[in-house]
Amino acid sequence: MTRISMTVDGSTYSDEVEPRTLLVHYLRQQVGRTGTVVGCDTSNCGACTVLLDGRSVKSCTVLAVQADGHEVTTVEGLATDGRLHPVQQAFHECHALQCGYCTPGMIMASIDLLGSNPHPSEQEIREGLEGNLCRCTGYNNIVKAVQTAAAATSEAAAS
């Protein structure tokens, strides 16, 4: 067992883990962040995407020990004071989900994308999310949601 400590959604956690424990399993089983879902266990789908020090990673490809000393943000950590994050709000308004299984990962990848490119074109959005799969929506409303979130974020910054 190895002792790790990390900040998850603003709270510090310190636990003993097997060195081979994946970050997704640590988040779900020991921290209780079940919004981070296990999709494929092969890094193909992106459903398990979280932010590690502000950058999106597929948590099924990161060991919990690799996140030791770092900051992790999950989909549960995005809302503040009962208000959805602008990307969460845009996904809701644009109906950018059907079954919802991919949604947490899509939202987290979208936040990273908008952090590095606040005004992406449709093609840049599609390329930025290409590591996250949705088997239900056809992506059109997901792209629309990212565009809506980008516009909302720009408007809020201008105010």
Protein backbone atom coordinates (compact mmCIF):
# COMPACT_ATOMS: atom_id res chain seq x y z
CA MET A 1 0.00 0.00 0.00
CA THR A 2 1.07 3.54 -0.74
CA ARG A 3 -0.17 6.68 1.01
CA ILE A 4 -1.37 9.40 -1.34
CA SER A 5 -2.81 12.84 -0.78
CA MET A 6 -4.63 14.97 -3.33
CA THR A 7 -7.18 17.71 -3.56
CA VAL A 8 -10.45 16.59 -5.16
CA ASP A 9 -13.06 19.24 -5.85
CA GLY A 10 -11.50 21.54 -3.27
CA SER A 11 -11.18 19.01 -0.43
CA THR A 12 -8.00 17.21 0.55
CA TYR A 13 -8.00 13.42 0.71
CA SER A 14 -5.25 11.24 2.11
CA ASP A 15 -5.57 7.48 1.72
CA GLU A 16 -3.71 4.22 1.43
CA VAL A 17 -4.01 2.71 -2.06
CA GLU A 18 -2.62 -0.21 -3.97
CA PRO A 19 0.02 1.23 -6.33
CA ARG A 20 -1.91 -0.17 -9.32
CA THR A 21 -5.20 1.58 -8.41
CA LEU A 22 -6.52 3.65 -11.27
CA LEU A 23 -7.53 7.22 -10.54
CA VAL A 24 -11.09 6.54 -11.75
CA HIS A 25 -11.48 3.71 -9.21
CA TYR A 26 -9.95 5.80 -6.42
CA LEU A 27 -12.33 8.68 -7.18
CA ARG A 28 -15.38 6.44 -7.30
CA GLN A 29 -14.64 3.95 -4.54
CA GLN A 30 -12.66 5.90 -1.96
CA VAL A 31 -13.67 9.51 -2.56
CA GLY A 32 -17.26 8.81 -3.63
CA ARG A 33 -17.20 10.83 -6.85
CA THR A 34 -19.43 8.51 -8.85
CA GLY A 35 -20.12 11.13 -11.52
CA THR A 36 -16.77 10.09 -12.95
CA VAL A 37 -17.92 6.99 -14.78
CA VAL A 38 -16.12 3.90 -15.98
CA GLY A 39 -16.96 3.52 -19.63
CA CYS A 40 -14.61 1.17 -21.38
CA ASP A 41 -11.52 0.66 -19.18
CA THR A 42 -9.39 1.04 -22.33
CA SER A 43 -9.20 4.86 -22.69
CA ASN A 44 -11.27 4.78 -25.88
CA CYS A 45 -14.48 6.45 -24.71
CA GLY A 46 -13.42 9.34 -22.44
CA ALA A 47 -16.40 8.94 -20.09
CA CYS A 48 -13.98 9.01 -17.14
CA THR A 49 -12.40 12.36 -18.08
CA VAL A 50 -11.49 14.63 -15.16
CA LEU A 51 -9.29 17.68 -14.82
CA LEU A 52 -5.86 17.03 -13.32
CA ASP A 53 -4.26 20.36 -12.44
CA GLY A 54 -6.71 21.97 -14.86
CA ARG A 55 -6.01 19.71 -17.85
CA SER A 56 -8.33 16.95 -19.01
CA VAL A 57 -7.13 13.39 -18.55
CA LYS A 58 -8.82 10.05 -18.91
CA SER A 59 -8.76 8.86 -15.33
CA CYS A 60 -8.70 5.22 -16.43
CA THR A 61 -5.18 5.82 -17.77
CA VAL A 62 -3.80 7.58 -14.69
CA LEU A 63 -2.77 5.77 -11.55
CA ALA A 64 -3.97 7.29 -8.30
CA VAL A 65 -0.33 7.48 -7.15
CA GLN A 66 0.42 9.68 -10.19
CA ALA A 67 -2.14 12.19 -8.92
CA ASP A 68 -0.48 12.33 -5.49
CA GLY A 69 0.06 15.97 -4.55
CA HIS A 70 -2.10 17.24 -7.41
CA GLU A 71 -5.54 18.79 -7.81
CA VAL A 72 -8.37 16.83 -9.40
CA THR A 73 -11.67 18.33 -10.48
CA THR A 74 -14.62 16.06 -11.23
CA VAL A 75 -17.98 16.93 -12.72
CA GLU A 76 -19.36 17.09 -9.16
CA GLY A 77 -16.90 19.87 -8.33
CA LEU A 78 -17.98 22.28 -11.06
CA ALA A 79 -21.14 23.88 -9.68
CA THR A 80 -20.65 26.74 -7.25
CA ASP A 81 -23.23 28.10 -4.84
CA GLY A 82 -25.89 25.93 -6.46
CA ARG A 83 -25.21 27.35 -9.93
CA LEU A 84 -24.11 25.08 -12.74
CA HIS A 85 -20.79 25.72 -14.46
CA PRO A 86 -21.40 27.51 -17.81
CA VAL A 87 -20.54 24.31 -19.72
CA GLN A 88 -22.94 22.26 -17.59
CA GLN A 89 -25.63 24.89 -18.14
CA ALA A 90 -25.05 24.90 -21.89
CA PHE A 91 -25.25 21.09 -22.06
CA HIS A 92 -28.57 21.32 -20.24
CA GLU A 93 -29.97 24.14 -22.39
CA CYS A 94 -28.84 22.60 -25.68
CA HIS A 95 -30.02 19.08 -24.83
CA ALA A 96 -26.48 17.83 -25.41
CA LEU A 97 -27.18 14.41 -23.99
CA GLN A 98 -29.42 11.45 -24.40
CA CYS A 99 -28.47 8.57 -22.16
CA GLY A 100 -26.03 10.87 -20.32
CA TYR A 101 -23.30 8.31 -19.85
CA CYS A 102 -20.65 10.25 -21.77
CA THR A 103 -21.80 13.64 -20.47
CA PRO A 104 -19.44 14.02 -17.47
CA GLY A 105 -16.40 13.30 -19.64
CA MET A 106 -17.66 15.50 -22.46
CA ILE A 107 -18.19 18.38 -20.05
CA MET A 108 -14.73 18.02 -18.53
CA ALA A 109 -13.04 17.79 -21.95
CA SER A 110 -15.06 20.83 -23.11
CA ILE A 111 -13.88 22.87 -20.13
CA ASP A 112 -10.26 22.06 -20.95
CA LEU A 113 -10.85 22.89 -24.61
CA LEU A 114 -12.41 26.26 -23.78
CA GLY A 115 -9.62 26.98 -21.32
CA SER A 116 -7.03 26.74 -24.08
CA ASN A 117 -9.24 28.02 -26.92
CA PRO A 118 -12.06 30.29 -25.67
CA HIS A 119 -13.49 30.84 -29.17
CA PRO A 120 -13.19 27.51 -31.01
CA SER A 121 -14.66 26.93 -34.43
CA GLU A 122 -16.99 24.00 -34.99
CA GLN A 123 -14.10 22.00 -36.45
CA GLU A 124 -11.86 22.86 -33.47
CA ILE A 125 -14.59 21.70 -31.08
CA ARG A 126 -15.00 18.42 -32.96
CA GLU A 127 -11.23 17.89 -32.96
CA GLY A 128 -10.93 18.92 -29.31
CA LEU A 129 -13.51 16.35 -28.25
CA GLU A 130 -12.44 13.54 -30.58
CA GLY A 131 -11.14 11.44 -27.67
CA ASN A 132 -14.61 11.38 -26.09
CA LEU A 133 -17.23 9.14 -27.65
CA CYS A 134 -20.99 9.48 -27.60
CA ARG A 135 -23.03 6.64 -28.98
CA CYS A 136 -26.41 8.42 -28.78
CA THR A 137 -26.43 12.04 -29.92
CA GLY A 138 -24.54 12.41 -33.16
CA TYR A 139 -22.53 15.22 -31.51
CA ASN A 140 -24.47 18.13 -33.07
CA ASN A 141 -26.00 19.29 -29.79
CA ILE A 142 -22.71 18.71 -27.97
CA VAL A 143 -20.94 21.04 -30.42
CA LYS A 144 -23.79 23.53 -30.04
CA ALA A 145 -23.43 23.36 -26.24
CA VAL A 146 -19.71 24.10 -26.39
CA GLN A 147 -20.39 27.04 -28.71
CA THR A 148 -23.09 28.28 -26.31
CA ALA A 149 -20.75 27.94 -23.32
CA ALA A 150 -18.01 29.80 -25.20
CA ALA A 151 -20.41 32.65 -25.98
CA ALA A 152 -21.71 32.76 -22.39
CA THR A 153 -18.18 32.82 -21.00
CA SER A 154 -17.19 35.62 -23.40
CA GLU A 155 -20.27 37.65 -22.44
CA ALA A 156 -19.57 37.18 -18.73
CA ALA A 157 -15.94 38.26 -19.20
CA ALA A 158 -17.03 41.37 -21.11
CA SER A 159 -19.44 42.44 -18.36
